[in-house]
């Protein structure tokens, strides 16, 4: 198998309910990095992707079902280290070297969550450049195929 070089970003709507889909995506695209949003994982223990190092911000537990959460899987052939970021948003980051350094951040902004430009700028300021931010921002705008513009899409 070729060395992984792709980055996969996906709102999986629950990682435990989507393992076959994730395995298909991995076998099809051979990603070096996988950024997932809305994982609904309540802890960081997940060992189904043995070729990857798993970084996780667990979902918020609730009385009924967990919601949100972000994960990042980095292929073990790629040197990486987690980046600690201070934020109230659901975000996780890591620095990779493949072969050049790159900071990658996975963000999930639930619908109707309260955030603003400064919240995102705070995250950006904590990441060593160059950076790549991936995520589900629940933002709608016709520029990227939405049917309307909402506050997040502005």
N, C-alpha and C. Protein backbone atom coordinates (compact mmCIF):
# COMPACT_ATOMS: atom_id res chain seq x y z
N UNK A 1 0.84 -1.17 0.00
CA UNK A 1 0.00 0.00 0.00
C UNK A 1 0.88 1.24 0.00
N UNK A 2 0.51 2.26 -0.77
CA UNK A 2 1.25 3.50 -0.83
C UNK A 2 1.19 4.21 0.52
N UNK A 3 2.20 5.07 0.74
CA UNK A 3 2.20 5.88 1.95
C UNK A 3 0.98 6.79 1.93
N UNK A 4 0.23 6.88 3.05
CA UNK A 4 -0.96 7.72 3.07
C UNK A 4 -0.61 9.20 2.88
N UNK A 5 -1.44 9.89 2.10
CA UNK A 5 -1.15 11.29 1.84
C UNK A 5 -2.40 12.17 1.83
N UNK A 6 -3.57 11.61 1.91
CA UNK A 6 -4.82 12.38 1.87
C UNK A 6 -5.26 12.79 3.27
N UNK A 7 -6.09 13.82 3.31
CA UNK A 7 -6.74 14.23 4.55
C UNK A 7 -8.23 14.03 4.36
N UNK A 8 -8.84 13.34 5.30
CA UNK A 8 -10.27 13.06 5.26
C UNK A 8 -10.95 13.85 6.37
N UNK A 9 -12.00 14.58 6.03
CA UNK A 9 -12.78 15.33 7.01
C UNK A 9 -14.22 14.88 6.86
N UNK A 10 -14.89 14.57 8.00
CA UNK A 10 -16.23 14.01 7.91
C UNK A 10 -17.01 14.25 9.19
N UNK A 11 -18.24 14.74 9.07
CA UNK A 11 -19.18 14.75 10.18
C UNK A 11 -19.82 13.37 10.18
N UNK A 12 -19.34 12.51 11.07
CA UNK A 12 -19.75 11.10 11.03
C UNK A 12 -21.06 10.83 11.74
N UNK A 13 -21.59 11.81 12.46
CA UNK A 13 -22.87 11.66 13.16
C UNK A 13 -22.90 10.42 14.07
N UNK A 14 -21.80 10.20 14.72
CA UNK A 14 -21.69 9.07 15.64
C UNK A 14 -20.70 8.05 15.13
N UNK A 15 -19.51 8.04 15.71
CA UNK A 15 -18.45 7.16 15.21
C UNK A 15 -18.74 5.69 15.48
N UNK A 16 -19.31 5.38 16.60
CA UNK A 16 -19.59 3.97 16.91
C UNK A 16 -20.63 3.37 15.97
N UNK A 17 -21.50 4.20 15.41
CA UNK A 17 -22.51 3.69 14.48
C UNK A 17 -22.01 3.69 13.03
N UNK A 18 -20.81 4.22 12.78
CA UNK A 18 -20.32 4.36 11.41
C UNK A 18 -19.02 3.61 11.09
N UNK A 19 -18.55 2.64 11.90
CA UNK A 19 -17.26 2.02 11.59
C UNK A 19 -17.16 1.41 10.19
N UNK A 20 -18.20 0.73 9.67
CA UNK A 20 -18.04 0.18 8.31
C UNK A 20 -17.84 1.29 7.28
N UNK A 21 -18.58 2.40 7.42
CA UNK A 21 -18.41 3.52 6.49
C UNK A 21 -17.00 4.09 6.58
N UNK A 22 -16.49 4.24 7.78
CA UNK A 22 -15.15 4.77 7.95
C UNK A 22 -14.11 3.83 7.36
N UNK A 23 -14.28 2.53 7.56
CA UNK A 23 -13.34 1.56 6.99
C UNK A 23 -13.35 1.62 5.46
N UNK A 24 -14.51 1.82 4.86
CA UNK A 24 -14.60 1.95 3.40
C UNK A 24 -13.86 3.20 2.95
N UNK A 25 -14.06 4.31 3.64
CA UNK A 25 -13.36 5.55 3.29
C UNK A 25 -11.85 5.38 3.42
N UNK A 26 -11.41 4.71 4.46
CA UNK A 26 -9.97 4.49 4.64
C UNK A 26 -9.40 3.62 3.53
N UNK A 27 -10.08 2.53 3.21
CA UNK A 27 -9.56 1.64 2.16
C UNK A 27 -9.62 2.30 0.78
N UNK A 28 -10.57 3.19 0.56
CA UNK A 28 -10.70 3.86 -0.72
C UNK A 28 -9.70 5.00 -0.88
N UNK A 29 -9.51 5.79 0.18
CA UNK A 29 -8.72 7.02 0.06
C UNK A 29 -7.36 6.98 0.75
N UNK A 30 -7.09 5.98 1.57
CA UNK A 30 -5.80 5.84 2.25
C UNK A 30 -5.37 7.15 2.91
N UNK A 31 -6.19 7.70 3.83
CA UNK A 31 -5.87 9.01 4.41
C UNK A 31 -4.70 8.97 5.39
N UNK A 32 -3.93 10.02 5.36
CA UNK A 32 -2.87 10.20 6.34
C UNK A 32 -3.47 10.73 7.64
N UNK A 33 -4.48 11.58 7.49
CA UNK A 33 -5.13 12.22 8.63
C UNK A 33 -6.64 12.13 8.44
N UNK A 34 -7.34 11.84 9.53
CA UNK A 34 -8.80 11.78 9.51
C UNK A 34 -9.30 12.71 10.60
N UNK A 35 -10.07 13.72 10.20
CA UNK A 35 -10.68 14.64 11.16
C UNK A 35 -12.17 14.38 11.16
N UNK A 36 -12.69 14.04 12.33
CA UNK A 36 -14.11 13.69 12.45
C UNK A 36 -14.80 14.65 13.41
N UNK A 37 -16.02 15.00 13.07
CA UNK A 37 -16.84 15.83 13.92
C UNK A 37 -18.13 15.09 14.26
N UNK A 38 -18.72 15.51 15.39
CA UNK A 38 -19.95 14.90 15.89
C UNK A 38 -19.77 13.40 16.09
N UNK A 39 -18.68 13.05 16.78
CA UNK A 39 -18.34 11.64 16.99
C UNK A 39 -19.26 10.94 17.99
N UNK A 40 -19.80 11.70 18.91
CA UNK A 40 -20.65 11.17 19.98
C UNK A 40 -19.91 10.18 20.88
N UNK A 41 -18.57 10.21 20.85
CA UNK A 41 -17.79 9.37 21.75
C UNK A 41 -17.76 10.04 23.12
N UNK A 42 -17.98 9.27 24.17
CA UNK A 42 -17.96 9.85 25.51
C UNK A 42 -16.61 9.69 26.19
N UNK A 43 -15.71 8.93 25.57
CA UNK A 43 -14.34 8.85 26.06
C UNK A 43 -13.42 8.66 24.86
N UNK A 44 -12.13 8.64 25.11
CA UNK A 44 -11.18 8.59 24.00
C UNK A 44 -10.79 7.17 23.61
N UNK A 45 -11.38 6.17 24.24
CA UNK A 45 -10.97 4.79 23.94
C UNK A 45 -11.67 4.29 22.68
N UNK A 46 -10.88 4.14 21.65
CA UNK A 46 -11.36 3.58 20.40
C UNK A 46 -10.15 2.94 19.74
N UNK A 47 -10.17 1.64 19.57
CA UNK A 47 -8.98 0.97 19.06
C UNK A 47 -9.24 0.27 17.73
N UNK A 48 -10.28 0.67 17.00
CA UNK A 48 -10.59 -0.02 15.75
C UNK A 48 -9.70 0.42 14.60
N UNK A 49 -8.95 1.50 14.78
CA UNK A 49 -8.05 1.98 13.73
C UNK A 49 -6.61 1.84 14.22
N UNK A 50 -6.11 0.64 14.17
CA UNK A 50 -4.82 0.32 14.77
C UNK A 50 -3.63 1.00 14.08
N UNK A 51 -3.77 1.41 12.84
CA UNK A 51 -2.68 2.07 12.12
C UNK A 51 -2.62 3.57 12.40
N UNK A 52 -3.49 4.05 13.27
CA UNK A 52 -3.60 5.48 13.52
C UNK A 52 -3.47 5.80 15.00
N UNK A 53 -2.89 6.96 15.28
CA UNK A 53 -2.89 7.52 16.61
C UNK A 53 -4.17 8.34 16.74
N UNK A 54 -4.87 8.16 17.86
CA UNK A 54 -6.17 8.80 18.04
C UNK A 54 -6.07 9.93 19.06
N UNK A 55 -6.50 11.12 18.65
CA UNK A 55 -6.64 12.28 19.54
C UNK A 55 -8.13 12.58 19.61
N UNK A 56 -8.63 12.84 20.81
CA UNK A 56 -10.08 12.95 20.95
C UNK A 56 -10.47 14.02 21.96
N UNK A 57 -11.51 14.79 21.62
CA UNK A 57 -12.21 15.62 22.58
C UNK A 57 -13.59 15.00 22.69
N UNK A 58 -13.89 14.35 23.81
CA UNK A 58 -15.15 13.61 23.92
C UNK A 58 -16.38 14.49 23.74
N UNK A 59 -17.47 13.82 23.41
CA UNK A 59 -18.76 14.49 23.28
C UNK A 59 -19.26 14.90 24.65
N UNK A 60 -20.21 15.82 24.66
CA UNK A 60 -20.83 16.23 25.91
C UNK A 60 -21.86 15.18 26.30
N UNK A 61 -21.67 14.54 27.46
CA UNK A 61 -22.67 13.56 27.87
C UNK A 61 -23.95 14.27 28.29
N UNK A 62 -25.05 13.62 28.06
CA UNK A 62 -26.34 14.18 28.48
C UNK A 62 -27.15 13.06 29.11
N UNK A 63 -28.31 13.43 29.59
CA UNK A 63 -29.16 12.43 30.23
C UNK A 63 -29.62 11.38 29.23
N UNK A 64 -29.73 11.74 27.97
CA UNK A 64 -30.23 10.77 27.00
C UNK A 64 -29.11 10.24 26.10
N UNK A 65 -28.58 11.09 25.21
CA UNK A 65 -27.56 10.65 24.27
C UNK A 65 -26.42 11.66 24.23
N UNK A 66 -25.17 11.18 24.04
CA UNK A 66 -24.08 12.13 23.89
C UNK A 66 -24.22 12.88 22.57
N UNK A 67 -23.70 14.10 22.54
CA UNK A 67 -23.75 14.87 21.30
C UNK A 67 -22.42 15.60 21.11
N UNK A 68 -22.09 15.86 19.86
CA UNK A 68 -20.86 16.57 19.54
C UNK A 68 -19.64 15.69 19.64
N UNK A 69 -18.52 16.32 19.91
CA UNK A 69 -17.25 15.62 20.02
C UNK A 69 -16.46 15.67 18.72
N UNK A 70 -15.14 15.74 18.85
CA UNK A 70 -14.25 15.73 17.69
C UNK A 70 -13.12 14.74 17.93
N UNK A 71 -12.65 14.15 16.84
CA UNK A 71 -11.53 13.23 16.88
C UNK A 71 -10.61 13.50 15.71
N UNK A 72 -9.36 13.14 15.91
CA UNK A 72 -8.38 13.21 14.84
C UNK A 72 -7.56 11.93 14.89
N UNK A 73 -7.45 11.29 13.74
CA UNK A 73 -6.63 10.09 13.61
C UNK A 73 -5.48 10.44 12.69
N UNK A 74 -4.25 10.18 13.14
CA UNK A 74 -3.07 10.46 12.33
C UNK A 74 -2.34 9.15 12.12
N UNK A 75 -2.06 8.84 10.85
CA UNK A 75 -1.40 7.58 10.53
C UNK A 75 -0.08 7.50 11.30
N UNK A 76 0.21 6.33 11.85
CA UNK A 76 1.39 6.15 12.69
C UNK A 76 2.71 6.35 11.94
N UNK A 77 2.67 6.37 10.60
CA UNK A 77 3.89 6.62 9.83
C UNK A 77 4.25 8.11 9.78
N UNK A 78 3.37 8.96 10.31
CA UNK A 78 3.59 10.41 10.27
C UNK A 78 3.90 10.91 11.67
N UNK A 79 5.07 11.53 11.85
CA UNK A 79 5.38 12.09 13.17
C UNK A 79 4.36 13.17 13.53
N UNK A 80 3.83 13.09 14.75
CA UNK A 80 2.82 14.05 15.18
C UNK A 80 2.87 14.23 16.68
N UNK A 81 2.29 15.35 17.11
CA UNK A 81 2.14 15.60 18.54
C UNK A 81 0.89 16.46 18.73
N UNK A 82 0.16 16.22 19.82
CA UNK A 82 -1.04 17.03 20.06
C UNK A 82 -0.65 18.47 20.40
N UNK A 83 -1.54 19.39 20.06
CA UNK A 83 -1.39 20.79 20.43
C UNK A 83 -2.49 21.11 21.42
N UNK A 84 -2.11 21.57 22.60
CA UNK A 84 -3.10 21.96 23.59
C UNK A 84 -3.61 23.35 23.22
N UNK A 85 -4.93 23.45 23.05
CA UNK A 85 -5.53 24.75 22.75
C UNK A 85 -6.55 25.08 23.83
N UNK A 86 -6.62 26.34 24.17
CA UNK A 86 -7.58 26.82 25.15
C UNK A 86 -8.74 27.46 24.40
N UNK A 87 -9.91 26.85 24.54
CA UNK A 87 -11.11 27.35 23.86
C UNK A 87 -12.34 26.73 24.49
N UNK A 88 -13.46 27.41 24.36
CA UNK A 88 -14.74 26.85 24.78
C UNK A 88 -15.41 26.09 23.65
N UNK A 89 -14.83 26.15 22.46
CA UNK A 89 -15.38 25.45 21.30
C UNK A 89 -14.93 24.00 21.31
N UNK A 90 -15.66 23.16 20.56
CA UNK A 90 -15.26 21.76 20.41
C UNK A 90 -14.19 21.71 19.33
N UNK A 91 -12.92 21.66 19.76
CA UNK A 91 -11.81 21.70 18.82
C UNK A 91 -10.65 20.89 19.36
N UNK A 92 -9.93 20.26 18.45
CA UNK A 92 -8.74 19.49 18.79
C UNK A 92 -7.69 19.77 17.72
N UNK A 93 -6.42 19.78 18.11
CA UNK A 93 -5.37 20.12 17.15
C UNK A 93 -4.14 19.26 17.37
N UNK A 94 -3.37 19.11 16.29
CA UNK A 94 -2.12 18.37 16.34
C UNK A 94 -1.15 18.98 15.33
N UNK A 95 0.13 18.79 15.59
CA UNK A 95 1.16 19.23 14.67
C UNK A 95 1.76 17.98 14.03
N UNK A 96 1.85 18.00 12.71
CA UNK A 96 2.44 16.87 12.00
C UNK A 96 3.69 17.33 11.27
N UNK A 97 4.49 16.38 10.84
CA UNK A 97 5.65 16.65 9.98
C UNK A 97 5.62 15.61 8.89
N UNK A 98 5.30 16.04 7.67
CA UNK A 98 5.15 15.07 6.58
C UNK A 98 5.55 15.64 5.22
N UNK A 99 6.72 16.01 4.90
CA UNK A 99 7.89 16.16 5.78
C UNK A 99 7.94 17.52 6.44
N UNK A 100 7.14 18.48 5.97
CA UNK A 100 7.15 19.83 6.55
C UNK A 100 6.12 19.93 7.66
N UNK A 101 6.37 20.80 8.64
CA UNK A 101 5.41 20.93 9.74
C UNK A 101 4.09 21.56 9.28
N UNK A 102 3.01 21.11 9.89
CA UNK A 102 1.67 21.63 9.61
C UNK A 102 0.82 21.43 10.86
N UNK A 103 0.13 22.49 11.28
CA UNK A 103 -0.82 22.38 12.39
C UNK A 103 -2.20 22.13 11.80
N UNK A 104 -2.86 21.10 12.31
CA UNK A 104 -4.20 20.75 11.82
C UNK A 104 -5.16 20.82 12.99
N UNK A 105 -6.33 21.42 12.74
CA UNK A 105 -7.34 21.57 13.78
C UNK A 105 -8.68 21.07 13.25
N UNK A 106 -9.36 20.27 14.04
CA UNK A 106 -10.69 19.78 13.72
C UNK A 106 -11.68 20.42 14.67
N UNK A 107 -12.73 21.05 14.11
CA UNK A 107 -13.69 21.81 14.90
C UNK A 107 -15.11 21.33 14.60
N UNK A 108 -15.93 21.26 15.65
CA UNK A 108 -17.36 21.03 15.48
C UNK A 108 -18.11 22.15 16.19
N UNK A 109 -18.91 22.89 15.43
CA UNK A 109 -19.76 23.94 15.99
C UNK A 109 -21.21 23.50 15.84
N UNK A 110 -21.82 23.04 16.93
CA UNK A 110 -23.21 22.56 16.85
C UNK A 110 -24.16 23.66 16.38
N UNK A 111 -25.27 23.26 15.78
CA UNK A 111 -26.28 24.26 15.41
C UNK A 111 -26.69 25.08 16.63
N UNK A 112 -26.93 26.33 16.43
CA UNK A 112 -27.37 27.25 17.48
C UNK A 112 -26.34 27.44 18.58
N UNK A 113 -25.08 27.02 18.36
CA UNK A 113 -24.06 27.29 19.37
C UNK A 113 -23.66 28.76 19.30
N UNK A 114 -23.25 29.28 20.42
CA UNK A 114 -22.86 30.69 20.51
C UNK A 114 -21.35 30.80 20.33
N UNK A 115 -20.94 31.35 19.21
CA UNK A 115 -19.53 31.60 18.95
C UNK A 115 -19.43 32.81 18.03
N UNK A 116 -18.23 33.36 17.95
CA UNK A 116 -18.02 34.49 17.05
C UNK A 116 -16.62 34.42 16.44
N UNK A 117 -16.33 35.36 15.61
CA UNK A 117 -15.05 35.40 14.91
C UNK A 117 -13.87 35.36 15.88
N UNK A 118 -14.01 36.04 17.02
CA UNK A 118 -12.91 36.07 18.00
C UNK A 118 -12.61 34.68 18.57
N UNK A 119 -13.64 33.84 18.72
CA UNK A 119 -13.42 32.47 19.20
C UNK A 119 -12.54 31.69 18.24
N UNK A 120 -12.80 31.85 16.95
CA UNK A 120 -11.99 31.16 15.94
C UNK A 120 -10.59 31.77 15.88
N UNK A 121 -10.50 33.08 15.98
CA UNK A 121 -9.20 33.74 15.94
C UNK A 121 -8.33 33.31 17.11
N UNK A 122 -8.93 33.10 18.27
CA UNK A 122 -8.19 32.62 19.44
C UNK A 122 -7.54 31.26 19.15
N UNK A 123 -8.29 30.38 18.51
CA UNK A 123 -7.72 29.08 18.14
C UNK A 123 -6.58 29.27 17.15
N UNK A 124 -6.82 30.06 16.12
CA UNK A 124 -5.80 30.29 15.09
C UNK A 124 -4.52 30.84 15.73
N UNK A 125 -4.65 31.74 16.68
CA UNK A 125 -3.48 32.34 17.33
C UNK A 125 -2.67 31.33 18.14
N UNK A 126 -3.28 30.20 18.52
CA UNK A 126 -2.58 29.19 19.32
C UNK A 126 -1.91 28.12 18.47
N UNK A 127 -2.13 28.16 17.16
CA UNK A 127 -1.59 27.13 16.27
C UNK A 127 -0.33 27.63 15.57
N UNK A 128 0.76 26.88 15.67
CA UNK A 128 1.96 27.28 14.93
C UNK A 128 1.70 27.19 13.42
N UNK A 129 2.03 28.24 12.67
CA UNK A 129 1.80 28.20 11.22
C UNK A 129 2.80 27.28 10.54
N UNK A 130 2.44 26.79 9.37
CA UNK A 130 1.17 26.95 8.67
C UNK A 130 0.09 26.09 9.32
N UNK A 131 -1.18 26.48 9.08
CA UNK A 131 -2.29 25.78 9.71
C UNK A 131 -3.33 25.35 8.67
N UNK A 132 -4.08 24.33 9.04
CA UNK A 132 -5.23 23.89 8.26
C UNK A 132 -6.35 23.63 9.26
N UNK A 133 -7.50 24.26 9.02
CA UNK A 133 -8.65 24.07 9.90
C UNK A 133 -9.73 23.36 9.11
N UNK A 134 -10.20 22.24 9.67
CA UNK A 134 -11.27 21.46 9.05
C UNK A 134 -12.40 21.35 10.05
N UNK A 135 -13.62 21.22 9.55
CA UNK A 135 -14.68 21.03 10.51
C UNK A 135 -16.07 21.14 9.94
N UNK A 136 -17.00 20.92 10.84
CA UNK A 136 -18.41 21.13 10.56
C UNK A 136 -18.80 22.37 11.34
N UNK A 137 -19.00 23.45 10.60
CA UNK A 137 -19.31 24.73 11.21
C UNK A 137 -20.81 25.02 11.24
N UNK A 138 -21.62 24.10 10.69
CA UNK A 138 -23.06 24.31 10.62
C UNK A 138 -23.36 25.71 10.10
N UNK A 139 -22.65 26.10 9.05
CA UNK A 139 -22.82 27.40 8.42
C UNK A 139 -23.44 27.18 7.05
N UNK A 140 -24.40 28.03 6.71
CA UNK A 140 -25.12 27.87 5.44
C UNK A 140 -24.98 29.13 4.61
N UNK A 141 -24.65 28.93 3.33
CA UNK A 141 -24.50 30.04 2.40
C UNK A 141 -24.56 29.48 0.98
N UNK A 142 -25.23 30.16 0.06
CA UNK A 142 -25.28 29.68 -1.33
C UNK A 142 -23.90 29.58 -1.98
N UNK A 143 -22.91 30.30 -1.45
CA UNK A 143 -21.55 30.24 -2.01
C UNK A 143 -21.04 28.80 -2.02
N UNK A 144 -21.37 28.03 -0.98
CA UNK A 144 -20.94 26.63 -0.93
C UNK A 144 -22.11 25.66 -0.97
N UNK A 145 -23.16 26.03 -1.69
CA UNK A 145 -24.23 25.10 -1.99
C UNK A 145 -25.44 25.14 -1.09
N UNK A 146 -25.48 26.04 -0.13
CA UNK A 146 -26.64 26.12 0.74
C UNK A 146 -27.81 26.80 0.06
N UNK A 147 -28.96 26.62 0.65
CA UNK A 147 -30.17 27.25 0.07
C UNK A 147 -30.44 28.61 0.67
N UNK A 148 -29.75 28.96 1.76
CA UNK A 148 -29.96 30.25 2.41
C UNK A 148 -28.66 30.67 3.12
N UNK A 149 -28.66 31.89 3.64
CA UNK A 149 -27.53 32.39 4.42
C UNK A 149 -27.98 32.51 5.86
N UNK A 150 -27.22 31.90 6.78
CA UNK A 150 -27.50 32.06 8.19
C UNK A 150 -26.38 32.89 8.84
N UNK A 151 -26.49 33.12 10.13
CA UNK A 151 -25.51 33.94 10.83
C UNK A 151 -24.11 33.35 10.70
N UNK A 152 -23.97 32.06 10.87
CA UNK A 152 -22.65 31.42 10.75
C UNK A 152 -22.13 31.52 9.32
N UNK A 153 -23.01 31.45 8.35
CA UNK A 153 -22.61 31.54 6.94
C UNK A 153 -22.16 32.93 6.53
N UNK A 154 -22.59 33.94 7.29
CA UNK A 154 -22.14 35.31 7.02
C UNK A 154 -20.71 35.48 7.44
